[in-house]
Protein backbone atom coordinates (compact mmCIF):
# COMPACT_ATOMS: atom_id res chain seq x y z
CA MET A 1 0.00 0.00 0.00
CA ARG A 2 2.83 2.39 0.81
CA ILE A 3 4.54 1.69 -2.51
CA ARG A 4 1.33 2.44 -4.38
CA ARG A 5 1.03 5.81 -2.60
CA ILE A 6 4.65 6.72 -3.39
CA LEU A 7 4.20 5.78 -7.05
CA GLY A 8 0.98 7.83 -7.19
CA LEU A 9 2.74 10.87 -5.76
CA ALA A 10 5.64 10.46 -8.19
CA LEU A 11 3.24 10.21 -11.14
CA ALA A 12 1.31 13.29 -9.97
CA ALA A 13 4.54 15.28 -9.60
CA ALA A 14 5.75 14.24 -13.05
CA THR A 15 2.41 15.19 -14.61
CA LEU A 16 2.43 18.57 -12.89
CA ALA A 17 6.03 19.23 -13.99
CA GLY A 18 5.16 18.36 -17.59
CA THR A 19 2.17 20.70 -17.55
CA SER A 20 4.30 23.51 -16.11
CA ALA A 21 6.94 23.05 -18.79
CA LEU A 22 4.30 23.08 -21.52
CA GLY A 23 2.79 26.26 -20.08
CA ALA A 24 6.19 27.96 -20.01
CA VAL A 25 6.82 27.08 -23.65
CA SER A 26 3.39 28.38 -24.66
CA ALA A 27 3.91 31.59 -22.70
CA GLU A 28 7.29 32.15 -24.35
CA GLY A 29 5.77 31.87 -27.79
CA ALA A 30 2.97 34.25 -26.91
CA SER A 31 5.18 36.85 -25.26
CA SER A 32 7.52 37.28 -28.21
CA PRO A 33 5.63 39.20 -30.92
CA ASN A 34 7.18 40.35 -34.17
CA ILE A 35 8.34 43.96 -34.37
CA THR A 36 9.12 46.35 -37.20
CA ARG A 37 12.52 47.72 -38.19
CA ASP A 38 11.63 51.13 -36.77
CA GLU A 39 10.61 49.64 -33.43
CA CYS A 40 13.85 47.64 -33.36
CA THR A 41 16.10 50.64 -33.87
CA ALA A 42 14.02 52.75 -31.45
CA ALA A 43 14.59 50.10 -28.77
CA GLY A 44 18.35 50.23 -29.37
CA GLY A 45 18.45 46.97 -31.31
CA GLN A 46 20.33 46.03 -34.45
CA VAL A 47 18.66 44.56 -37.54
CA THR A 48 20.47 41.43 -38.73
CA SER A 49 19.88 39.13 -41.67
CA ARG A 50 19.89 35.34 -41.38
CA PRO A 51 20.11 33.19 -44.51
CA TYR A 52 16.78 31.52 -45.32
CA ALA A 53 15.25 32.95 -42.13
CA GLY A 54 14.67 36.60 -42.96
CA TYR A 55 15.55 39.52 -40.74
CA THR A 56 15.76 39.60 -36.96
CA CYS A 57 16.23 42.29 -34.37
CA ALA A 58 19.07 41.71 -31.90
CA LEU A 59 18.11 43.66 -28.79
CA PRO A 60 20.61 44.96 -26.21
CA ASP A 61 19.36 42.51 -23.55
CA GLY A 62 20.56 39.58 -25.67
CA THR A 63 17.20 38.49 -27.07
CA SER A 64 16.21 38.49 -30.72
CA GLN A 65 12.85 38.80 -32.40
CA PRO A 66 11.70 38.29 -35.98
CA ILE A 67 10.99 41.42 -37.98
CA THR A 68 7.72 41.76 -39.87
């Protein structure tokens, strides 16, 4: 009986951790909208070109966003 309880708790923790990771990935995708070239330069970023991927904005905080 004790083993069954421990396995149940482990399964519940793993399920919760998987849901949290999925939520974090979804939130990351939603919080990173495309910006324009003007918005990039106004924010202090630098427009860079990537082969076969279009243009991106490299921001001073180390992040990059696709340019529309």
